[in-house]
């Protein structure tokens, strides 16, 4: 069951809070074969600390047993170091995304997987800003993040990753991802449910006799639907039955836009936050997904 309710010159990050052992290192949260009943899955945070804080609060009201953050903590938004204290305090499991991997390893680009020159132009601006405004302590912490997380949800085996089980920056779009591909991935990974993100658009599908794929979308920017709200996913299992709800999150997007302008991030990024329509990274979208947007 599915329910759907050029930046400021690089400067050395300072005054940041380091997560220390980090949310991914919370002991005993899903070890020893323990199963959960209800789990929240957060897609790309993209430095949107205001949406992240609102989502954590909402997930707690829903009494989830655990929060899984699927990576890409930075990108797009302002002040990337502000997300780390929120993640630490939440006790979330955090998985490594392509952004986290690149920043931790000091790479030259975000490994976003774009091929279009304009998409890569904005990706470079975002990555350089995020890299130079993430503290050394937080970069070192991201270097310890795992590439995947496995846990039990009811009687289901869940694999949480960033892009796909086979590739960290693989885009799994609803319109172009066939069931047989998902069945093959689930079979090879010995799991019933695959949870991912990377596309920025939330969707879910049941495949085969008992398999599920859930894309949690993104907390960091709207879903290209004309609304400034963002989404996360709640997965709830009773034995082998899974229910997926995509939860809309309202937050102070005007304040985020103000911070973005203060940091001299591109006005195109700000427009997306204010209007809910994507203005960048459009060429990577398949035809059906792009047709749902404005541009």
C-alpha atoms as a PDB file:
ATOM      1  CA  UNK A   1       0.000   0.000   0.000  1.00  0.00           C
ATOM      2  CA  UNK A   2       1.396   3.411  -0.994  1.00  0.00           C
ATOM      3  CA  UNK A   3       0.136   6.720   0.420  1.00  0.00           C
ATOM      4  CA  UNK A   4       1.212  10.147  -0.741  1.00  0.00           C
ATOM      5  CA  UNK A   5      -0.175  12.781   1.466  1.00  0.00           C
ATOM      6  CA  UNK A   6      28.352  31.385  -8.496  1.00  0.00           C
ATOM      7  CA  UNK A   7      28.612  31.325  -4.589  1.00  0.00           C
ATOM      8  CA  UNK A   8      30.358  33.401  -1.979  1.00  0.00           C
ATOM      9  CA  UNK A   9      34.123  32.929  -2.258  1.00  0.00           C
ATOM     10  CA  UNK A  10      35.260  29.706  -0.653  1.00  0.00           C
ATOM     11  CA  UNK A  11      36.221  30.167   2.917  1.00  0.00           C
ATOM     12  CA  UNK A  12      37.502  27.841   5.579  1.00  0.00           C
ATOM     13  CA  UNK A  13      34.654  26.307   7.579  1.00  0.00           C
ATOM     14  CA  UNK A  14      34.879  27.208  11.224  1.00  0.00           C
ATOM     15  CA  UNK A  15      32.892  26.981  14.399  1.00  0.00           C
ATOM     16  CA  UNK A  16      31.257  23.717  13.300  1.00  0.00           C
ATOM     17  CA  UNK A  17      29.998  20.977  15.538  1.00  0.00           C
ATOM     18  CA  UNK A  18      31.558  17.601  14.902  1.00  0.00           C
ATOM     19  CA  UNK A  19      29.304  14.588  15.400  1.00  0.00           C
ATOM     20  CA  UNK A  20      32.086  12.674  17.109  1.00  0.00           C
ATOM     21  CA  UNK A  21      31.160   9.000  16.941  1.00  0.00           C
ATOM     22  CA  UNK A  22      28.348  10.060  14.627  1.00  0.00           C
ATOM     23  CA  UNK A  23      24.762   8.981  14.129  1.00  0.00           C
ATOM     24  CA  UNK A  24      25.807   5.976  12.039  1.00  0.00           C
ATOM     25  CA  UNK A  25      27.713   4.630  15.015  1.00  0.00           C
ATOM     26  CA  UNK A  26      24.820   4.524  17.502  1.00  0.00           C
ATOM     27  CA  UNK A  27      25.352   1.092  19.091  1.00  0.00           C
ATOM     28  CA  UNK A  28      22.794  -1.663  19.006  1.00  0.00           C
ATOM     29  CA  UNK A  29      20.132   0.230  17.080  1.00  0.00           C
ATOM     30  CA  UNK A  30      19.649  -2.460  14.436  1.00  0.00           C
ATOM     31  CA  UNK A  31      22.152  -5.134  15.263  1.00  0.00           C
ATOM     32  CA  UNK A  32      21.654  -8.660  16.458  1.00  0.00           C
ATOM     33  CA  UNK A  33      18.779  -9.394  14.091  1.00  0.00           C
ATOM     34  CA  UNK A  34      16.387  -6.987  15.802  1.00  0.00           C
ATOM     35  CA  UNK A  35      13.371  -6.109  13.678  1.00  0.00           C
ATOM     36  CA  UNK A  36      11.577  -2.768  13.500  1.00  0.00           C
ATOM     37  CA  UNK A  37       7.946  -2.011  12.806  1.00  0.00           C
ATOM     38  CA  UNK A  38       8.100   1.563  11.552  1.00  0.00           C
ATOM     39  CA  UNK A  39      11.118   3.355  10.028  1.00  0.00           C
ATOM     40  CA  UNK A  40      11.586   6.839   8.544  1.00  0.00           C
ATOM     41  CA  UNK A  41      13.804   7.188   5.461  1.00  0.00           C
ATOM     42  CA  UNK A  42      15.304  10.590   4.625  1.00  0.00           C
ATOM     43  CA  UNK A  43      16.560  11.222   1.100  1.00  0.00           C
ATOM     44  CA  UNK A  44      19.172  13.797   0.102  1.00  0.00           C
ATOM     45  CA  UNK A  45      19.457  16.508   2.763  1.00  0.00           C
ATOM     46  CA  UNK A  46      21.375  18.916   0.502  1.00  0.00           C
ATOM     47  CA  UNK A  47      22.347  21.172   3.440  1.00  0.00           C
ATOM     48  CA  UNK A  48      18.691  21.964   4.159  1.00  0.00           C
ATOM     49  CA  UNK A  49      19.052  21.965   7.929  1.00  0.00           C
ATOM     50  CA  UNK A  50      15.636  23.569   8.433  1.00  0.00           C
ATOM     51  CA  UNK A  51      13.784  20.802   6.581  1.00  0.00           C
ATOM     52  CA  UNK A  52      15.916  18.168   8.298  1.00  0.00           C
ATOM     53  CA  UNK A  53      15.005  19.484  11.754  1.00  0.00           C
ATOM     54  CA  UNK A  54      11.319  19.606  10.808  1.00  0.00           C
ATOM     55  CA  UNK A  55      11.416  16.050   9.451  1.00  0.00           C
ATOM     56  CA  UNK A  56      13.111  14.699  12.580  1.00  0.00           C
ATOM     57  CA  UNK A  57      10.437  16.321  14.741  1.00  0.00           C
ATOM     58  CA  UNK A  58       7.652  14.930  12.546  1.00  0.00           C
ATOM     59  CA  UNK A  59       9.139  11.421  12.549  1.00  0.00           C
ATOM     60  CA  UNK A  60       9.303  11.476  16.331  1.00  0.00           C
ATOM     61  CA  UNK A  61       5.620  12.429  16.521  1.00  0.00           C
ATOM     62  CA  UNK A  62       4.902   9.379  14.387  1.00  0.00           C
ATOM     63  CA  UNK A  63       6.870   7.263  16.881  1.00  0.00           C
ATOM     64  CA  UNK A  64       9.173   5.666  14.332  1.00  0.00           C
ATOM     65  CA  UNK A  65      11.569   3.042  15.663  1.00  0.00           C
ATOM     66  CA  UNK A  66      14.527   4.356  13.656  1.00  0.00           C
ATOM     67  CA  UNK A  67      15.563   7.017  11.169  1.00  0.00           C
ATOM     68  CA  UNK A  68      17.720   6.121   8.173  1.00  0.00           C
ATOM     69  CA  UNK A  69      19.390   8.999   6.320  1.00  0.00           C
ATOM     70  CA  UNK A  70      20.357   7.911   2.821  1.00  0.00           C
ATOM     71  CA  UNK A  71      23.209  10.356   2.228  1.00  0.00           C
ATOM     72  CA  UNK A  72      24.070  13.515   0.300  1.00  0.00           C
ATOM     73  CA  UNK A  73      24.170  15.598   3.453  1.00  0.00           C
ATOM     74  CA  UNK A  74      25.541  18.603   1.588  1.00  0.00           C
ATOM     75  CA  UNK A  75      24.845  20.196  -1.829  1.00  0.00           C
ATOM     76  CA  UNK A  76      22.515  22.869  -3.180  1.00  0.00           C
ATOM     77  CA  UNK A  77      21.778  24.610   0.106  1.00  0.00           C
ATOM     78  CA  UNK A  78      23.695  26.887   2.502  1.00  0.00           C
ATOM     79  CA  UNK A  79      25.823  26.265   5.578  1.00  0.00           C
ATOM     80  CA  UNK A  80      26.418  22.507   5.265  1.00  0.00           C
ATOM     81  CA  UNK A  81      27.875  22.106   8.753  1.00  0.00           C
ATOM     82  CA  UNK A  82      24.484  22.864  10.315  1.00  0.00           C
ATOM     83  CA  UNK A  83      23.059  19.449   9.422  1.00  0.00           C
ATOM     84  CA  UNK A  84      25.556  17.433  11.472  1.00  0.00           C
ATOM     85  CA  UNK A  85      24.396  18.368  14.998  1.00  0.00           C
ATOM     86  CA  UNK A  86      20.797  17.602  13.975  1.00  0.00           C
ATOM     87  CA  UNK A  87      21.747  14.164  12.679  1.00  0.00           C
ATOM     88  CA  UNK A  88      23.785  13.384  15.754  1.00  0.00           C
ATOM     89  CA  UNK A  89      21.008  14.407  18.117  1.00  0.00           C
ATOM     90  CA  UNK A  90      18.429  12.399  16.131  1.00  0.00           C
ATOM     91  CA  UNK A  91      20.358   9.134  16.439  1.00  0.00           C
ATOM     92  CA  UNK A  92      19.814   8.440  12.743  1.00  0.00           C
ATOM     93  CA  UNK A  93      21.729   5.850  10.780  1.00  0.00           C
ATOM     94  CA  UNK A  94      23.562   7.686   8.020  1.00  0.00           C
ATOM     95  CA  UNK A  95      24.609   6.101   4.721  1.00  0.00           C
ATOM     96  CA  UNK A  96      27.270   7.520   2.421  1.00  0.00           C
ATOM     97  CA  UNK A  97      26.018   9.320  -0.677  1.00  0.00           C
ATOM     98  CA  UNK A  98      28.092  10.424  -3.643  1.00  0.00           C
ATOM     99  CA  UNK A  99      28.461  13.948  -2.194  1.00  0.00           C
ATOM    100  CA  UNK A 100      29.642  12.634   1.151  1.00  0.00           C
ATOM    101  CA  UNK A 101      32.056  10.269  -0.576  1.00  0.00           C
ATOM    102  CA  UNK A 102      33.551  13.015  -2.740  1.00  0.00           C
ATOM    103  CA  UNK A 103      33.957  15.482   0.112  1.00  0.00           C
ATOM    104  CA  UNK A 104      35.429  12.874   2.454  1.00  0.00           C
ATOM    105  CA  UNK A 105      37.946  11.781  -0.181  1.00  0.00           C
ATOM    106  CA  UNK A 106      38.762  15.290  -1.429  1.00  0.00           C
ATOM    107  CA  UNK A 107      37.674  14.614  -5.000  1.00  0.00           C
ATOM    108  CA  UNK A 108      37.313  17.316  -7.636  1.00  0.00           C
ATOM    109  CA  UNK A 109      33.620  16.748  -8.334  1.00  0.00           C
ATOM    110  CA  UNK A 110      30.457  15.440  -6.711  1.00  0.00           C
ATOM    111  CA  UNK A 111      30.175  12.184  -8.687  1.00  0.00           C
ATOM    112  CA  UNK A 112      26.572  13.210  -9.322  1.00  0.00           C
ATOM    113  CA  UNK A 113      26.352  11.258 -12.575  1.00  0.00           C
ATOM    114  CA  UNK A 114      25.312  14.137 -14.844  1.00  0.00           C
ATOM    115  CA  UNK A 115      26.279  14.187 -18.522  1.00  0.00           C
ATOM    116  CA  UNK A 116      24.784  17.491 -19.672  1.00  0.00           C
ATOM    117  CA  UNK A 117      27.165  20.516 -19.608  1.00  0.00           C
ATOM    118  CA  UNK A 118      24.607  22.814 -17.952  1.00  0.00           C
ATOM    119  CA  UNK A 119      23.756  20.241 -15.285  1.00  0.00           C
ATOM    120  CA  UNK A 120      27.465  19.861 -14.565  1.00  0.00           C
ATOM    121  CA  UNK A 121      27.945  23.634 -14.470  1.00  0.00           C
ATOM    122  CA  UNK A 122      25.556  24.023 -11.555  1.00  0.00           C
ATOM    123  CA  UNK A 123      26.826  20.817  -9.955  1.00  0.00           C
ATOM    124  CA  UNK A 124      30.355  22.292  -9.885  1.00  0.00           C
ATOM    125  CA  UNK A 125      29.161  25.500  -8.235  1.00  0.00           C
ATOM    126  CA  UNK A 126      27.262  23.535  -5.599  1.00  0.00           C
ATOM    127  CA  UNK A 127      30.101  21.115  -4.928  1.00  0.00           C
ATOM    128  CA  UNK A 128      32.823  23.737  -4.586  1.00  0.00           C
ATOM    129  CA  UNK A 129      30.718  25.720  -2.133  1.00  0.00           C
ATOM    130  CA  UNK A 130      29.855  22.638  -0.076  1.00  0.00           C
ATOM    131  CA  UNK A 131      33.401  21.306  -0.050  1.00  0.00           C
ATOM    132  CA  UNK A 132      34.950  24.557   1.147  1.00  0.00           C
ATOM    133  CA  UNK A 133      32.265  25.129   3.780  1.00  0.00           C
ATOM    134  CA  UNK A 134      32.351  21.687   5.391  1.00  0.00           C
ATOM    135  CA  UNK A 135      34.686  21.514   8.365  1.00  0.00           C
ATOM    136  CA  UNK A 136      37.666  19.123   8.393  1.00  0.00           C
ATOM    137  CA  UNK A 137      36.107  17.341  11.364  1.00  0.00           C
ATOM    138  CA  UNK A 138      32.889  16.665   9.493  1.00  0.00           C
ATOM    139  CA  UNK A 139      34.760  15.592   6.371  1.00  0.00           C
ATOM    140  CA  UNK A 140      36.666  13.071   8.466  1.00  0.00           C
ATOM    141  CA  UNK A 141      33.425  11.826  10.012  1.00  0.00           C
ATOM    142  CA  UNK A 142      31.868  11.269   6.575  1.00  0.00           C
ATOM    143  CA  UNK A 143      34.858   9.125   5.631  1.00  0.00           C
ATOM    144  CA  UNK A 144      33.569   6.530   8.099  1.00  0.00           C
ATOM    145  CA  UNK A 145      30.044   6.307   6.696  1.00  0.00           C
ATOM    146  CA  UNK A 146      28.945   2.927   5.282  1.00  0.00           C
ATOM    147  CA  UNK A 147      27.743   2.494   1.698  1.00  0.00           C
ATOM    148  CA  UNK A 148      24.657   0.563   2.766  1.00  0.00           C
ATOM    149  CA  UNK A 149      22.625  -0.492   5.786  1.00  0.00           C
ATOM    150  CA  UNK A 150      20.672  -3.703   6.311  1.00  0.00           C
ATOM    151  CA  UNK A 151      17.923  -4.239   8.852  1.00  0.00           C
ATOM    152  CA  UNK A 152      14.732  -6.167   9.502  1.00  0.00           C
ATOM    153  CA  UNK A 153      11.351  -4.483   9.148  1.00  0.00           C
ATOM    154  CA  UNK A 154       8.646  -6.816  10.351  1.00  0.00           C
ATOM    155  CA  UNK A 155       9.572 -10.070   8.634  1.00  0.00           C
ATOM    156  CA  UNK A 156      11.171  -8.274   5.694  1.00  0.00           C
ATOM    157  CA  UNK A 157      14.891  -7.876   4.956  1.00  0.00           C
ATOM    158  CA  UNK A 158      15.659  -4.286   3.978  1.00  0.00           C
ATOM    159  CA  UNK A 159      18.690  -2.925   2.141  1.00  0.00           C
ATOM    160  CA  UNK A 160      19.124   0.848   2.356  1.00  0.00           C
ATOM    161  CA  UNK A 161      21.553   2.507  -0.068  1.00  0.00           C
ATOM    162  CA  UNK A 162      22.022   5.829  -1.837  1.00  0.00           C
ATOM    163  CA  UNK A 163      21.624   5.253  -5.570  1.00  0.00           C
ATOM    164  CA  UNK A 164      21.221   1.532  -6.214  1.00  0.00           C
ATOM    165  CA  UNK A 165      22.702  -1.596  -4.641  1.00  0.00           C
ATOM    166  CA  UNK A 166      25.189  -1.842  -7.481  1.00  0.00           C
ATOM    167  CA  UNK A 167      26.211   1.816  -7.892  1.00  0.00           C
ATOM    168  CA  UNK A 168      26.187   4.717  -5.452  1.00  0.00           C
ATOM    169  CA  UNK A 169      25.238   7.351  -8.048  1.00  0.00           C
ATOM    170  CA  UNK A 170      22.830   5.342 -10.210  1.00  0.00           C
ATOM    171  CA  UNK A 171      19.546   7.082 -10.998  1.00  0.00           C
ATOM    172  CA  UNK A 172      16.520   4.823 -10.573  1.00  0.00           C
ATOM    173  CA  UNK A 173      13.643   6.724 -12.160  1.00  0.00           C
ATOM    174  CA  UNK A 174      10.076   5.512 -11.897  1.00  0.00           C
ATOM    175  CA  UNK A 175       9.478   5.675 -15.659  1.00  0.00           C
ATOM    176  CA  UNK A 176      12.681   3.913 -16.739  1.00  0.00           C
ATOM    177  CA  UNK A 177      13.332   1.302 -14.028  1.00  0.00           C
ATOM    178  CA  UNK A 178      11.824  -2.075 -15.018  1.00  0.00           C
ATOM    179  CA  UNK A 179      10.568  -4.651 -12.563  1.00  0.00           C
ATOM    180  CA  UNK A 180      12.994  -7.297 -13.784  1.00  0.00           C
ATOM    181  CA  UNK A 181      15.932  -5.052 -12.886  1.00  0.00           C
ATOM    182  CA  UNK A 182      14.577  -4.555  -9.363  1.00  0.00           C
ATOM    183  CA  UNK A 183      13.914  -8.284  -9.001  1.00  0.00           C
ATOM    184  CA  UNK A 184      17.497  -9.052 -10.045  1.00  0.00           C
ATOM    185  CA  UNK A 185      18.935  -6.543  -7.584  1.00  0.00           C
ATOM    186  CA  UNK A 186      16.805  -7.875  -4.722  1.00  0.00           C
ATOM    187  CA  UNK A 187      17.719 -11.467  -5.548  1.00  0.00           C
ATOM    188  CA  UNK A 188      21.456 -10.751  -5.757  1.00  0.00           C
ATOM    189  CA  UNK A 189      21.350  -8.738  -2.524  1.00  0.00           C
ATOM    190  CA  UNK A 190      19.164 -11.311  -0.707  1.00  0.00           C
ATOM    191  CA  UNK A 191      16.657  -8.685   0.408  1.00  0.00           C
ATOM    192  CA  UNK A 192      12.937  -8.036   0.117  1.00  0.00           C
ATOM    193  CA  UNK A 193      12.965  -4.240   0.162  1.00  0.00           C
ATOM    194  CA  UNK A 194      15.408  -1.775  -1.428  1.00  0.00           C
ATOM    195  CA  UNK A 195      15.319   1.813  -0.160  1.00  0.00           C
ATOM    196  CA  UNK A 196      17.231   4.526  -2.036  1.00  0.00           C
ATOM    197  CA  UNK A 197      17.288   8.160  -3.088  1.00  0.00           C
ATOM    198  CA  UNK A 198      19.636  10.112  -5.481  1.00  0.00           C
ATOM    199  CA  UNK A 199      16.931  11.129  -7.986  1.00  0.00           C
ATOM    200  CA  UNK A 200      15.278  13.710  -5.735  1.00  0.00           C
ATOM    201  CA  UNK A 201      11.824  12.374  -6.677  1.00  0.00           C
ATOM    202  CA  UNK A 202       9.910  10.033  -4.391  1.00  0.00           C
ATOM    203  CA  UNK A 203       8.184   6.906  -5.672  1.00  0.00           C
ATOM    204  CA  UNK A 204       7.569   3.307  -4.684  1.00  0.00           C
ATOM    205  CA  UNK A 205       6.653   0.090  -6.444  1.00  0.00           C
ATOM    206  CA  UNK A 206       5.904  -3.484  -5.539  1.00  0.00           C
ATOM    207  CA  UNK A 207       7.565  -6.013  -7.823  1.00  0.00           C
ATOM    208  CA  UNK A 208       7.473  -9.768  -8.099  1.00  0.00           C
ATOM    209  CA  UNK A 209       5.635 -11.732  -5.447  1.00  0.00           C
ATOM    210  CA  UNK A 210       6.957  -9.855  -2.412  1.00  0.00           C
ATOM    211  CA  UNK A 211       9.598  -7.291  -3.412  1.00  0.00           C
ATOM    212  CA  UNK A 212       9.485  -3.536  -2.894  1.00  0.00           C
ATOM    213  CA  UNK A 213      11.525  -0.591  -4.110  1.00  0.00           C
ATOM    214  CA  UNK A 214      11.118   2.737  -2.270  1.00  0.00           C
ATOM    215  CA  UNK A 215      12.759   5.969  -3.377  1.00  0.00           C
ATOM    216  CA  UNK A 216      12.534   8.359  -0.431  1.00  0.00           C
ATOM    217  CA  UNK A 217      12.930  11.455  -2.604  1.00  0.00           C
ATOM    218  CA  UNK A 218      14.784  14.380  -1.041  1.00  0.00           C
ATOM    219  CA  UNK A 219      14.551  16.582   2.030  1.00  0.00           C
ATOM    220  CA  UNK A 220      16.830  19.169   0.509  1.00  0.00           C
ATOM    221  CA  UNK A 221      14.703  20.518  -2.304  1.00  0.00           C
ATOM    222  CA  UNK A 222      11.107  20.240  -3.513  1.00  0.00           C
ATOM    223  CA  UNK A 223       9.890  17.429  -5.754  1.00  0.00           C
ATOM    224  CA  UNK A 224       9.518  19.613  -8.880  1.00  0.00           C
ATOM    225  CA  UNK A 225       5.771  19.801  -8.275  1.00  0.00           C
ATOM    226  CA  UNK A 226       5.174  23.509  -7.704  1.00  0.00           C
ATOM    227  CA  UNK A 227       5.072  23.243  -3.908  1.00  0.00           C
ATOM    228  CA  UNK A 228       7.898  24.340  -1.574  1.00  0.00           C
ATOM    229  CA  UNK A 229       7.275  21.404   0.766  1.00  0.00           C
ATOM    230  CA  UNK A 230       9.648  18.434   0.726  1.00  0.00           C
ATOM    231  CA  UNK A 231       9.139  14.736   1.479  1.00  0.00           C
ATOM    232  CA  UNK A 232      10.423  11.778   3.397  1.00  0.00           C
ATOM    233  CA  UNK A 233       9.175   8.178   3.533  1.00  0.00           C
ATOM    234  CA  UNK A 234       7.726   6.121   6.381  1.00  0.00           C
ATOM    235  CA  UNK A 235       7.878   2.351   5.941  1.00  0.00           C
ATOM    236  CA  UNK A 236       5.720   0.245   8.222  1.00  0.00           C
ATOM    237  CA  UNK A 237       5.588  -3.555   8.234  1.00  0.00           C
ATOM    238  CA  UNK A 238       3.280  -6.087   9.798  1.00  0.00           C
ATOM    239  CA  UNK A 239       4.875  -9.492   9.293  1.00  0.00           C
ATOM    240  CA  UNK A 240       5.548  -9.497   5.516  1.00  0.00           C
ATOM    241  CA  UNK A 241       3.057  -6.763   4.615  1.00  0.00           C
ATOM    242  CA  UNK A 242       4.611  -3.347   3.875  1.00  0.00           C
ATOM    243  CA  UNK A 243       2.904   0.059   3.828  1.00  0.00           C
ATOM    244  CA  UNK A 244       4.721   3.091   2.425  1.00  0.00           C
ATOM    245  CA  UNK A 245       3.721   6.672   3.145  1.00  0.00           C
ATOM    246  CA  UNK A 246       5.364   9.733   1.620  1.00  0.00           C
ATOM    247  CA  UNK A 247       5.151  12.448   4.231  1.00  0.00           C
ATOM    248  CA  UNK A 248       5.097  16.119   3.165  1.00  0.00           C
ATOM    249  CA  UNK A 249       7.229  18.408   5.303  1.00  0.00           C
ATOM    250  CA  UNK A 250       6.616  22.119   5.642  1.00  0.00           C
ATOM    251  CA  UNK A 251       9.430  24.290   6.964  1.00  0.00           C
ATOM    252  CA  UNK A 252      10.566  27.903   6.807  1.00  0.00           C
ATOM    253  CA  UNK A 253      11.646  27.866   3.164  1.00  0.00           C
ATOM    254  CA  UNK A 254      11.759  31.668   3.098  1.00  0.00           C
ATOM    255  CA  UNK A 255      14.447  31.594   5.790  1.00  0.00           C
ATOM    256  CA  UNK A 256      16.401  29.018   3.801  1.00  0.00           C
ATOM    257  CA  UNK A 257      16.170  31.236   0.711  1.00  0.00           C
ATOM    258  CA  UNK A 258      17.465  34.156   2.768  1.00  0.00           C
ATOM    259  CA  UNK A 259      20.456  32.089   3.920  1.00  0.00           C
ATOM    260  CA  UNK A 260      21.139  30.994   0.346  1.00  0.00           C
ATOM    261  CA  UNK A 261      21.202  34.576  -0.889  1.00  0.00           C
ATOM    262  CA  UNK A 262      23.394  35.582   2.032  1.00  0.00           C
ATOM    263  CA  UNK A 263      25.850  32.877   0.927  1.00  0.00           C
ATOM    264  CA  UNK A 264      25.602  34.099  -2.700  1.00  0.00           C
ATOM    265  CA  UNK A 265      24.400  30.781  -4.039  1.00  0.00           C
ATOM    266  CA  UNK A 266      22.843  30.903  -7.534  1.00  0.00           C
ATOM    267  CA  UNK A 267      19.457  32.564  -7.768  1.00  0.00           C
ATOM    268  CA  UNK A 268      18.313  29.519  -9.747  1.00  0.00           C
ATOM    269  CA  UNK A 269      18.729  27.432  -6.570  1.00  0.00           C
ATOM    270  CA  UNK A 270      16.790  29.998  -4.544  1.00  0.00           C
ATOM    271  CA  UNK A 271      13.941  30.024  -7.071  1.00  0.00           C
ATOM    272  CA  UNK A 272      13.514  26.256  -6.713  1.00  0.00           C
ATOM    273  CA  UNK A 273      13.220  26.542  -2.938  1.00  0.00           C
ATOM    274  CA  UNK A 274      10.638  29.331  -3.200  1.00  0.00           C
ATOM    275  CA  UNK A 275       8.515  28.000  -6.060  1.00  0.00           C
ATOM    276  CA  UNK A 276       8.872  24.214  -5.846  1.00  0.00           C
ATOM    277  CA  UNK A 277       9.944  23.976  -9.501  1.00  0.00           C
ATOM    278  CA  UNK A 278      13.391  22.722 -10.513  1.00  0.00           C
ATOM    279  CA  UNK A 279      15.408  25.227 -12.521  1.00  0.00           C
ATOM    280  CA  UNK A 280      18.676  23.236 -12.683  1.00  0.00           C
ATOM    281  CA  UNK A 281      19.726  19.596 -13.166  1.00  0.00           C
ATOM    282  CA  UNK A 282      16.833  19.138 -15.583  1.00  0.00           C
ATOM    283  CA  UNK A 283      18.570  17.391 -18.457  1.00  0.00           C
ATOM    284  CA  UNK A 284      19.082  14.220 -16.445  1.00  0.00           C
ATOM    285  CA  UNK A 285      15.308  13.783 -16.081  1.00  0.00           C
ATOM    286  CA  UNK A 286      13.587  11.203 -18.316  1.00  0.00           C
ATOM    287  CA  UNK A 287      10.803  12.557 -20.509  1.00  0.00           C
ATOM    288  CA  UNK A 288       7.890  11.549 -18.273  1.00  0.00           C
ATOM    289  CA  UNK A 289       9.480  12.981 -15.130  1.00  0.00           C
ATOM    290  CA  UNK A 290      10.438  16.205 -16.873  1.00  0.00           C
ATOM    291  CA  UNK A 291       6.935  16.659 -18.285  1.00  0.00           C
ATOM    292  CA  UNK A 292       5.595  16.923 -14.739  1.00  0.00           C
ATOM    293  CA  UNK A 293       7.685  20.045 -14.085  1.00  0.00           C
ATOM    294  CA  UNK A 294       7.462  23.591 -15.362  1.00  0.00           C
ATOM    295  CA  UNK A 295      10.615  23.647 -17.480  1.00  0.00           C
END
